[in-house]
């Protein structure tokens, strides 16, 4: 019986293989000087983490839109401004090791969203979570919570940005929604 591998390990393995693999019949690479070597592992790690982060965030948007369509709402558009706001809040939650819509010394989410550049909005909303293993798990958890579900299924909302951060083996999540 084959063992099912989770989304994150498969994604990480795929990224590693796509970066590190070369065809078996490829000619050996010519010798390079020190200045021509591949980026330092630290730089590559940062790039890979950014790619994984974006893939997870984009997947949450896709899954959220599936839930919305199934309930008669239009699809949300990806917003880089709301993603910036969501990522910023997620980083702040991790720094405080506290999941909340408003952390000590932090403005409420509507002000954070405005300060990120999402201005002249009519309505905004936010969902937060931590500890869920991937996009499917977190979207399902939000849908099982009446207040989070209300945000996802609010047909007046048009834009969304997601922020996810992996810290100490745990994923932290923020969804910021809006309509201008």
N, C-alpha and C. Protein backbone atom coordinates (compact mmCIF):
# COMPACT_ATOMS: atom_id res chain seq x y z
N UNK A 1 0.84 -1.17 0.00
CA UNK A 1 0.00 0.00 0.00
C UNK A 1 0.89 1.24 0.00
N UNK A 2 0.65 2.15 -0.90
CA UNK A 2 1.44 3.37 -0.99
C UNK A 2 1.04 4.33 0.11
N UNK A 3 2.02 5.01 0.66
CA UNK A 3 1.77 6.00 1.70
C UNK A 3 1.44 7.34 1.04
N UNK A 4 0.38 8.01 1.50
CA UNK A 4 0.00 9.32 0.97
C UNK A 4 0.94 10.37 1.55
N UNK A 5 1.48 11.18 0.68
CA UNK A 5 2.39 12.25 1.10
C UNK A 5 1.61 13.54 1.10
N UNK A 6 1.78 14.36 2.13
CA UNK A 6 1.05 15.62 2.26
C UNK A 6 1.44 16.65 1.22
N UNK A 7 0.63 17.69 1.13
CA UNK A 7 0.81 18.78 0.17
C UNK A 7 2.16 19.48 0.34
N UNK A 8 2.48 19.88 1.57
CA UNK A 8 3.73 20.63 1.79
C UNK A 8 4.97 19.82 1.46
N UNK A 9 5.10 18.55 1.93
CA UNK A 9 6.29 17.79 1.55
C UNK A 9 6.42 17.63 0.04
N UNK A 10 5.30 17.39 -0.64
CA UNK A 10 5.35 17.23 -2.10
C UNK A 10 5.79 18.53 -2.76
N UNK A 11 5.25 19.64 -2.29
CA UNK A 11 5.60 20.94 -2.85
C UNK A 11 7.08 21.22 -2.63
N UNK A 12 7.55 20.98 -1.41
CA UNK A 12 8.95 21.23 -1.11
C UNK A 12 9.85 20.33 -1.95
N UNK A 13 9.49 19.06 -2.05
CA UNK A 13 10.28 18.12 -2.85
C UNK A 13 10.31 18.56 -4.31
N UNK A 14 9.16 18.97 -4.82
CA UNK A 14 9.09 19.44 -6.21
C UNK A 14 9.97 20.64 -6.45
N UNK A 15 9.98 21.59 -5.51
CA UNK A 15 10.83 22.76 -5.66
C UNK A 15 12.30 22.38 -5.61
N UNK A 16 12.65 21.51 -4.68
CA UNK A 16 14.05 21.08 -4.58
C UNK A 16 14.46 20.37 -5.86
N UNK A 17 13.62 19.47 -6.35
CA UNK A 17 13.96 18.73 -7.56
C UNK A 17 14.05 19.65 -8.77
N UNK A 18 13.16 20.63 -8.86
CA UNK A 18 13.19 21.52 -10.02
C UNK A 18 14.41 22.42 -9.99
N UNK A 19 14.90 22.73 -8.82
CA UNK A 19 16.07 23.59 -8.72
C UNK A 19 17.36 22.78 -8.86
N UNK A 20 17.37 21.58 -8.28
CA UNK A 20 18.62 20.83 -8.19
C UNK A 20 18.81 19.78 -9.27
N UNK A 21 17.76 19.34 -9.92
CA UNK A 21 17.89 18.22 -10.85
C UNK A 21 18.42 18.66 -12.20
N UNK A 22 19.17 17.78 -12.82
CA UNK A 22 19.66 17.98 -14.19
C UNK A 22 19.49 16.66 -14.92
N UNK A 23 19.27 16.69 -16.21
CA UNK A 23 19.12 15.43 -16.94
C UNK A 23 20.35 14.55 -16.78
N UNK A 24 20.12 13.24 -16.70
CA UNK A 24 21.22 12.30 -16.50
C UNK A 24 22.21 12.31 -17.65
N UNK A 25 21.75 12.61 -18.86
CA UNK A 25 22.64 12.58 -20.01
C UNK A 25 23.23 13.96 -20.32
N UNK A 26 23.06 14.90 -19.43
CA UNK A 26 23.59 16.25 -19.67
C UNK A 26 25.11 16.22 -19.61
N UNK A 27 25.71 17.04 -20.43
CA UNK A 27 27.17 17.14 -20.43
C UNK A 27 27.61 17.77 -19.11
N UNK A 28 28.78 17.36 -18.63
CA UNK A 28 29.25 17.95 -17.38
C UNK A 28 29.40 19.47 -17.55
N UNK A 29 29.09 20.17 -16.48
CA UNK A 29 29.18 21.63 -16.51
C UNK A 29 30.64 22.04 -16.59
N UNK A 30 30.94 23.07 -17.37
CA UNK A 30 32.32 23.54 -17.42
C UNK A 30 32.72 24.11 -16.07
N UNK A 31 34.01 24.06 -15.80
CA UNK A 31 34.52 24.62 -14.56
C UNK A 31 34.19 26.10 -14.50
N UNK A 32 33.84 26.58 -13.31
CA UNK A 32 33.49 27.99 -13.15
C UNK A 32 34.41 28.62 -12.12
N UNK A 33 34.58 29.89 -12.29
CA UNK A 33 35.36 30.61 -11.28
C UNK A 33 34.46 30.82 -10.07
N UNK A 34 35.02 31.24 -8.98
CA UNK A 34 34.26 31.46 -7.75
C UNK A 34 33.13 32.46 -7.99
N UNK A 35 33.34 33.46 -8.79
CA UNK A 35 32.30 34.47 -9.03
C UNK A 35 31.16 33.95 -9.89
N UNK A 36 31.33 32.79 -10.55
CA UNK A 36 30.28 32.25 -11.40
C UNK A 36 29.48 31.14 -10.71
N UNK A 37 29.77 30.84 -9.46
CA UNK A 37 29.07 29.78 -8.77
C UNK A 37 27.61 30.15 -8.54
N UNK A 38 26.80 29.13 -8.33
CA UNK A 38 25.37 29.34 -8.04
C UNK A 38 25.22 30.19 -6.79
N UNK A 39 24.03 30.79 -6.61
CA UNK A 39 23.82 31.62 -5.42
C UNK A 39 24.08 30.83 -4.15
N UNK A 40 24.47 31.54 -3.13
CA UNK A 40 24.71 30.91 -1.83
C UNK A 40 23.44 30.23 -1.36
N UNK A 41 23.57 29.13 -0.62
CA UNK A 41 22.38 28.42 -0.16
C UNK A 41 21.38 29.32 0.57
N UNK A 42 21.84 30.28 1.30
CA UNK A 42 20.94 31.19 2.04
C UNK A 42 20.04 31.95 1.07
N UNK A 43 20.59 32.46 -0.02
CA UNK A 43 19.80 33.18 -1.02
C UNK A 43 18.80 32.23 -1.66
N UNK A 44 19.23 31.03 -2.00
CA UNK A 44 18.34 30.04 -2.60
C UNK A 44 17.22 29.67 -1.64
N UNK A 45 17.54 29.53 -0.34
CA UNK A 45 16.51 29.23 0.66
C UNK A 45 15.45 30.32 0.70
N UNK A 46 15.88 31.57 0.66
CA UNK A 46 14.94 32.69 0.69
C UNK A 46 14.04 32.66 -0.54
N UNK A 47 14.61 32.41 -1.70
CA UNK A 47 13.83 32.34 -2.94
C UNK A 47 12.83 31.19 -2.86
N UNK A 48 13.27 30.01 -2.41
CA UNK A 48 12.38 28.86 -2.30
C UNK A 48 11.27 29.12 -1.30
N UNK A 49 11.59 29.72 -0.16
CA UNK A 49 10.55 30.03 0.83
C UNK A 49 9.53 30.98 0.24
N UNK A 50 9.98 31.96 -0.52
CA UNK A 50 9.07 32.90 -1.16
C UNK A 50 8.16 32.22 -2.17
N UNK A 51 8.71 31.27 -2.92
CA UNK A 51 7.89 30.53 -3.88
C UNK A 51 6.85 29.66 -3.18
N UNK A 52 7.26 28.98 -2.14
CA UNK A 52 6.33 28.14 -1.38
C UNK A 52 5.24 29.01 -0.76
N UNK A 53 5.64 30.14 -0.20
CA UNK A 53 4.68 31.06 0.41
C UNK A 53 3.63 31.49 -0.62
N UNK A 54 4.08 31.90 -1.77
CA UNK A 54 3.16 32.36 -2.81
C UNK A 54 2.24 31.24 -3.30
N UNK A 55 2.77 30.03 -3.46
CA UNK A 55 1.95 28.90 -3.89
C UNK A 55 0.86 28.62 -2.85
N UNK A 56 1.19 28.61 -1.58
CA UNK A 56 0.20 28.38 -0.53
C UNK A 56 -0.86 29.47 -0.52
N UNK A 57 -0.42 30.71 -0.62
CA UNK A 57 -1.36 31.84 -0.61
C UNK A 57 -2.30 31.79 -1.82
N UNK A 58 -1.73 31.51 -2.99
CA UNK A 58 -2.55 31.43 -4.20
C UNK A 58 -3.55 30.27 -4.11
N UNK A 59 -3.14 29.19 -3.50
CA UNK A 59 -4.04 28.03 -3.36
C UNK A 59 -5.23 28.37 -2.46
N UNK A 60 -4.99 29.15 -1.40
CA UNK A 60 -6.09 29.57 -0.52
C UNK A 60 -7.10 30.39 -1.32
N UNK A 61 -6.62 31.25 -2.21
CA UNK A 61 -7.53 32.04 -3.05
C UNK A 61 -8.37 31.12 -3.93
N UNK A 62 -7.75 30.15 -4.57
CA UNK A 62 -8.47 29.21 -5.43
C UNK A 62 -9.54 28.46 -4.63
N UNK A 63 -9.18 27.93 -3.48
CA UNK A 63 -10.12 27.17 -2.65
C UNK A 63 -11.24 28.05 -2.11
N UNK A 64 -10.90 29.27 -1.72
CA UNK A 64 -11.91 30.22 -1.25
C UNK A 64 -12.90 30.53 -2.36
N UNK A 65 -12.40 30.72 -3.56
CA UNK A 65 -13.29 31.01 -4.69
C UNK A 65 -14.19 29.82 -5.03
N UNK A 66 -13.70 28.61 -4.84
CA UNK A 66 -14.55 27.43 -5.05
C UNK A 66 -15.72 27.44 -4.07
N UNK A 67 -15.43 27.75 -2.82
CA UNK A 67 -16.49 27.81 -1.80
C UNK A 67 -17.49 28.91 -2.15
N UNK A 68 -16.99 30.06 -2.59
CA UNK A 68 -17.88 31.18 -2.93
C UNK A 68 -18.78 30.82 -4.11
N UNK A 69 -18.19 30.25 -5.16
CA UNK A 69 -19.00 29.87 -6.34
C UNK A 69 -20.06 28.84 -5.98
N UNK A 70 -19.72 27.91 -5.11
CA UNK A 70 -20.67 26.88 -4.69
C UNK A 70 -21.86 27.48 -3.92
N UNK A 71 -21.68 28.69 -3.40
CA UNK A 71 -22.74 29.36 -2.64
C UNK A 71 -23.27 30.60 -3.37
N UNK A 72 -22.98 30.70 -4.67
CA UNK A 72 -23.57 31.77 -5.48
C UNK A 72 -22.86 33.10 -5.47
N UNK A 73 -21.66 33.18 -4.93
CA UNK A 73 -20.89 34.43 -4.92
C UNK A 73 -19.90 34.44 -6.07
N UNK A 74 -19.56 35.63 -6.53
CA UNK A 74 -18.54 35.77 -7.55
C UNK A 74 -17.16 35.51 -6.98
N UNK A 75 -16.23 35.22 -7.88
CA UNK A 75 -14.84 34.96 -7.47
C UNK A 75 -14.17 36.24 -6.98
N UNK A 76 -13.30 36.08 -6.01
CA UNK A 76 -12.48 37.19 -5.52
C UNK A 76 -11.28 37.36 -6.44
N UNK A 77 -10.86 38.61 -6.62
CA UNK A 77 -9.64 38.90 -7.38
C UNK A 77 -8.46 38.95 -6.41
N UNK A 78 -7.32 38.49 -6.88
CA UNK A 78 -6.10 38.59 -6.09
C UNK A 78 -5.68 40.05 -6.02
N UNK A 79 -5.36 40.51 -4.83
CA UNK A 79 -4.92 41.89 -4.62
C UNK A 79 -3.54 41.88 -3.98
N UNK A 80 -2.58 42.47 -4.67
CA UNK A 80 -1.22 42.54 -4.11
C UNK A 80 -1.19 43.43 -2.87
N UNK A 81 -2.05 44.43 -2.83
CA UNK A 81 -2.09 45.32 -1.66
C UNK A 81 -2.64 44.57 -0.45
N UNK A 82 -3.72 43.83 -0.65
CA UNK A 82 -4.28 43.06 0.46
C UNK A 82 -3.34 41.92 0.86
N UNK A 83 -2.59 41.37 -0.09
CA UNK A 83 -1.58 40.35 0.25
C UNK A 83 -0.50 40.97 1.14
N UNK A 84 -0.08 42.17 0.79
CA UNK A 84 0.93 42.87 1.60
C UNK A 84 0.41 43.08 3.02
N UNK A 85 -0.83 43.51 3.14
CA UNK A 85 -1.43 43.72 4.45
C UNK A 85 -1.54 42.41 5.23
N UNK A 86 -2.01 41.36 4.56
CA UNK A 86 -2.16 40.06 5.21
C UNK A 86 -0.82 39.48 5.64
N UNK A 87 0.18 39.59 4.78
CA UNK A 87 1.51 39.09 5.14
C UNK A 87 2.07 39.85 6.33
N UNK A 88 1.91 41.16 6.30
CA UNK A 88 2.42 41.98 7.42
C UNK A 88 1.79 41.58 8.74
N UNK A 89 0.49 41.38 8.72
CA UNK A 89 -0.18 40.99 9.97
C UNK A 89 0.25 39.58 10.40
N UNK A 90 0.42 38.69 9.46
CA UNK A 90 0.85 37.33 9.80
C UNK A 90 2.22 37.34 10.45
N UNK A 91 3.12 38.14 9.90
CA UNK A 91 4.46 38.27 10.49
C UNK A 91 4.36 38.82 11.92
N UNK A 92 3.48 39.79 12.13
CA UNK A 92 3.30 40.37 13.47
C UNK A 92 2.73 39.33 14.44
N UNK A 93 1.78 38.53 13.99
CA UNK A 93 1.26 37.47 14.87
C UNK A 93 2.37 36.51 15.28
N UNK A 94 3.20 36.11 14.30
CA UNK A 94 4.32 35.21 14.60
C UNK A 94 5.26 35.85 15.61
N UNK A 95 5.59 37.12 15.41
CA UNK A 95 6.52 37.82 16.30
C UNK A 95 5.99 37.87 17.74
N UNK A 96 4.68 37.99 17.90
CA UNK A 96 4.07 38.02 19.23
C UNK A 96 3.65 36.63 19.71
N UNK A 97 3.78 35.62 18.83
CA UNK A 97 3.33 34.27 19.14
C UNK A 97 1.88 34.28 19.65
N UNK A 98 1.05 35.06 18.94
CA UNK A 98 -0.33 35.24 19.35
C UNK A 98 -1.20 35.43 18.12
N UNK A 99 -2.24 34.61 18.01
CA UNK A 99 -3.18 34.76 16.90
C UNK A 99 -4.29 35.70 17.34
N UNK A 100 -4.41 36.81 16.62
CA UNK A 100 -5.43 37.79 16.96
C UNK A 100 -5.61 38.75 15.79
N UNK A 101 -6.79 39.39 15.73
CA UNK A 101 -7.01 40.41 14.70
C UNK A 101 -6.33 41.71 15.07
N UNK A 102 -6.05 41.92 16.34
CA UNK A 102 -5.37 43.14 16.78
C UNK A 102 -4.42 42.79 17.91
N UNK A 103 -3.14 43.01 17.65
CA UNK A 103 -2.10 42.70 18.62
C UNK A 103 -1.71 43.95 19.38
N UNK A 104 -1.05 43.79 20.52
CA UNK A 104 -0.67 44.96 21.31
C UNK A 104 0.11 45.98 20.47
N UNK A 105 -0.35 47.23 20.53
CA UNK A 105 0.31 48.31 19.81
C UNK A 105 0.00 48.37 18.32
N UNK A 106 -0.87 47.50 17.86
CA UNK A 106 -1.19 47.41 16.43
C UNK A 106 -2.59 48.01 16.19
N UNK A 107 -2.75 48.75 15.09
CA UNK A 107 -4.10 49.27 14.79
C UNK A 107 -5.03 48.14 14.35
N UNK A 108 -6.33 48.40 14.39
CA UNK A 108 -7.29 47.39 13.95
C UNK A 108 -7.10 47.12 12.46
N UNK A 109 -7.64 46.01 12.00
CA UNK A 109 -7.34 45.53 10.64
C UNK A 109 -7.76 46.53 9.57
N UNK A 110 -8.83 47.25 9.74
CA UNK A 110 -9.27 48.21 8.72
C UNK A 110 -8.22 49.31 8.51
N UNK A 111 -7.58 49.73 9.58
CA UNK A 111 -6.53 50.75 9.47
C UNK A 111 -5.28 50.14 8.84
N UNK A 112 -4.93 48.90 9.22
CA UNK A 112 -3.77 48.23 8.62
C UNK A 112 -3.95 48.08 7.12
N UNK A 113 -5.15 47.69 6.70
CA UNK A 113 -5.43 47.51 5.28
C UNK A 113 -5.31 48.84 4.53
N UNK A 114 -5.83 49.90 5.12
CA UNK A 114 -5.74 51.24 4.51
C UNK A 114 -4.29 51.69 4.42
N UNK A 115 -3.54 51.50 5.49
CA UNK A 115 -2.12 51.91 5.50
C UNK A 115 -1.29 51.12 4.49
N UNK A 116 -1.71 49.90 4.18
CA UNK A 116 -1.00 49.09 3.18
C UNK A 116 -1.24 49.63 1.77
N UNK A 117 -2.27 50.49 1.62
CA UNK A 117 -2.54 51.10 0.31
C UNK A 117 -3.89 50.76 -0.28
N UNK A 118 -4.69 49.97 0.43
CA UNK A 118 -6.03 49.64 -0.06
C UNK A 118 -6.97 50.73 0.47
N UNK A 119 -7.08 51.80 -0.30
CA UNK A 119 -7.82 52.98 0.13
C UNK A 119 -9.19 53.06 -0.56
N UNK A 120 -10.00 53.97 -0.05
CA UNK A 120 -11.34 54.22 -0.60
C UNK A 120 -12.18 52.96 -0.67
N UNK A 121 -12.05 52.11 0.32
CA UNK A 121 -12.81 50.87 0.35
C UNK A 121 -14.20 51.12 0.94
N UNK A 122 -15.12 50.24 0.56
CA UNK A 122 -16.49 50.27 1.11
C UNK A 122 -16.64 49.31 2.28
N UNK A 123 -16.01 48.15 2.15
CA UNK A 123 -16.08 47.13 3.19
C UNK A 123 -14.78 46.32 3.17
N UNK A 124 -14.30 45.96 4.36
CA UNK A 124 -13.13 45.08 4.49
C UNK A 124 -13.44 44.03 5.56
N UNK A 125 -12.72 42.93 5.50
CA UNK A 125 -12.89 41.85 6.48
C UNK A 125 -11.57 41.10 6.61
N UNK A 126 -11.46 40.30 7.67
CA UNK A 126 -10.21 39.57 7.91
C UNK A 126 -10.52 38.24 8.58
N UNK A 127 -9.80 37.21 8.16
CA UNK A 127 -9.78 35.91 8.82
C UNK A 127 -8.34 35.61 9.22
N UNK A 128 -8.14 35.03 10.40
CA UNK A 128 -6.81 34.60 10.82
C UNK A 128 -6.89 33.17 11.34
N UNK A 129 -5.77 32.48 11.29
CA UNK A 129 -5.70 31.10 11.78
C UNK A 129 -4.24 30.74 11.99
N UNK A 130 -4.04 29.66 12.73
CA UNK A 130 -2.69 29.10 12.85
C UNK A 130 -2.79 27.61 13.11
N UNK A 131 -1.72 26.93 12.69
CA UNK A 131 -1.61 25.52 13.01
C UNK A 131 -2.20 24.56 11.99
N UNK A 132 -2.86 25.05 10.97
CA UNK A 132 -3.44 24.15 9.97
C UNK A 132 -2.37 23.76 8.97
N UNK A 133 -2.43 22.51 8.52
CA UNK A 133 -1.35 21.92 7.73
C UNK A 133 -1.22 22.42 6.31
N UNK A 134 -2.23 23.06 5.77
CA UNK A 134 -2.14 23.54 4.40
C UNK A 134 -3.40 24.29 4.01
N UNK A 135 -3.45 24.73 2.76
CA UNK A 135 -4.59 25.52 2.29
C UNK A 135 -5.95 24.85 2.46
N UNK A 136 -6.06 23.58 2.13
CA UNK A 136 -7.35 22.90 2.27
C UNK A 136 -7.80 22.87 3.72
N UNK A 137 -6.90 22.54 4.61
CA UNK A 137 -7.25 22.45 6.03
C UNK A 137 -7.68 23.81 6.59
N UNK A 138 -6.98 24.87 6.23
CA UNK A 138 -7.34 26.18 6.79
C UNK A 138 -8.64 26.70 6.20
N UNK A 139 -8.86 26.52 4.91
CA UNK A 139 -10.12 26.98 4.31
C UNK A 139 -11.29 26.18 4.88
N UNK A 140 -11.13 24.87 5.07
CA UNK A 140 -12.18 24.06 5.67
C UNK A 140 -12.47 24.52 7.11
N UNK A 141 -11.44 24.85 7.85
CA UNK A 141 -11.62 25.32 9.23
C UNK A 141 -12.37 26.65 9.24
N UNK A 142 -11.98 27.56 8.35
CA UNK A 142 -12.69 28.85 8.28
C UNK A 142 -14.16 28.63 7.90
N UNK A 143 -14.41 27.71 6.99
CA UNK A 143 -15.80 27.45 6.58
C UNK A 143 -16.61 26.81 7.72
N UNK A 144 -15.97 26.14 8.64
CA UNK A 144 -16.66 25.53 9.77
C UNK A 144 -16.92 26.52 10.90
N UNK A 145 -16.34 27.71 10.82
CA UNK A 145 -16.52 28.75 11.83
C UNK A 145 -17.51 29.78 11.30
N UNK A 146 -18.62 30.01 11.99
CA UNK A 146 -19.63 30.92 11.46
C UNK A 146 -19.13 32.32 11.07
N UNK A 147 -18.31 32.95 11.89
CA UNK A 147 -17.85 34.31 11.56
C UNK A 147 -16.87 34.31 10.38
N UNK A 148 -16.00 33.33 10.32
CA UNK A 148 -15.05 33.25 9.20
C UNK A 148 -15.78 32.89 7.90
N UNK A 149 -16.72 31.98 8.02
CA UNK A 149 -17.53 31.57 6.87
C UNK A 149 -18.29 32.77 6.31
N UNK A 150 -18.82 33.60 7.20
CA UNK A 150 -19.54 34.81 6.79
C UNK A 150 -18.65 35.71 5.94
N UNK A 151 -17.40 35.85 6.34
CA UNK A 151 -16.46 36.67 5.54
C UNK A 151 -16.23 36.05 4.17
N UNK A 152 -15.96 34.75 4.13
CA UNK A 152 -15.69 34.07 2.86
C UNK A 152 -16.90 34.16 1.93
N UNK A 153 -18.08 34.02 2.49
CA UNK A 153 -19.30 33.99 1.66
C UNK A 153 -20.00 35.35 1.56
N UNK A 154 -19.31 36.41 1.93
CA UNK A 154 -19.87 37.76 1.77
C UNK A 154 -19.73 38.15 0.30
N UNK A 155 -20.83 38.07 -0.42
CA UNK A 155 -20.81 38.31 -1.87
C UNK A 155 -20.50 39.76 -2.23
N UNK A 156 -20.55 40.67 -1.25
CA UNK A 156 -20.19 42.07 -1.53
C UNK A 156 -18.67 42.24 -1.68
N UNK A 157 -17.90 41.35 -1.10
CA UNK A 157 -16.44 41.45 -1.18
C UNK A 157 -15.96 41.07 -2.57
N UNK A 158 -14.92 41.74 -3.06
CA UNK A 158 -14.44 41.52 -4.43
C UNK A 158 -12.95 41.17 -4.52
N UNK A 159 -12.16 41.57 -3.53
CA UNK A 159 -10.70 41.40 -3.59
C UNK A 159 -10.23 40.64 -2.36
N UNK A 160 -9.11 39.94 -2.51
CA UNK A 160 -8.54 39.22 -1.37
C UNK A 160 -7.03 39.11 -1.51
N UNK A 161 -6.37 39.16 -0.37
CA UNK A 161 -4.95 38.87 -0.27
C UNK A 161 -4.74 37.94 0.90
N UNK A 162 -3.84 36.99 0.73
CA UNK A 162 -3.55 36.00 1.77
C UNK A 162 -2.10 36.13 2.17
N UNK A 163 -1.84 35.99 3.45
CA UNK A 163 -0.48 35.95 3.96
C UNK A 163 -0.29 34.69 4.77
N UNK A 164 0.79 33.98 4.52
CA UNK A 164 1.11 32.77 5.29
C UNK A 164 2.58 32.82 5.68
N UNK A 165 2.86 32.39 6.90
CA UNK A 165 4.23 32.34 7.41
C UNK A 165 4.42 31.01 8.12
N UNK A 166 5.52 30.34 7.85
CA UNK A 166 5.90 29.12 8.55
C UNK A 166 6.89 29.51 9.64
N UNK A 167 6.54 29.22 10.88
CA UNK A 167 7.43 29.53 12.01
C UNK A 167 7.32 28.41 13.04
N UNK A 168 8.46 27.91 13.45
CA UNK A 168 8.53 26.84 14.45
C UNK A 168 7.64 25.65 14.08
N UNK A 169 7.67 25.29 12.81
CA UNK A 169 6.92 24.13 12.34
C UNK A 169 5.42 24.33 12.24
N UNK A 170 4.98 25.56 12.33
CA UNK A 170 3.55 25.85 12.31
C UNK A 170 3.25 26.92 11.27
N UNK A 171 2.16 26.73 10.51
CA UNK A 171 1.74 27.74 9.53
C UNK A 171 0.76 28.71 10.19
N UNK A 172 0.99 29.99 9.94
CA UNK A 172 0.13 31.07 10.42
C UNK A 172 -0.51 31.70 9.18
N UNK A 173 -1.80 32.05 9.25
CA UNK A 173 -2.55 32.48 8.08
C UNK A 173 -3.34 33.76 8.34
N UNK A 174 -3.42 34.61 7.34
CA UNK A 174 -4.32 35.77 7.36
C UNK A 174 -4.93 35.92 5.97
N UNK A 175 -6.24 36.13 5.95
CA UNK A 175 -6.96 36.52 4.72
C UNK A 175 -7.46 37.93 4.94
N UNK A 176 -7.14 38.85 4.02
CA UNK A 176 -7.72 40.19 4.04
C UNK A 176 -8.62 40.32 2.82
N UNK A 177 -9.83 40.76 3.04
CA UNK A 177 -10.83 40.93 1.98
C UNK A 177 -11.18 42.40 1.86
N UNK A 178 -11.63 42.80 0.68
CA UNK A 178 -12.11 44.17 0.51
C UNK A 178 -12.96 44.36 -0.72
N UNK A 179 -13.60 45.53 -0.71
CA UNK A 179 -14.34 45.98 -1.89
C UNK A 179 -14.23 47.49 -1.92
N UNK A 180 -13.84 47.98 -3.08
CA UNK A 180 -13.76 49.42 -3.28
C UNK A 180 -15.00 49.91 -3.95
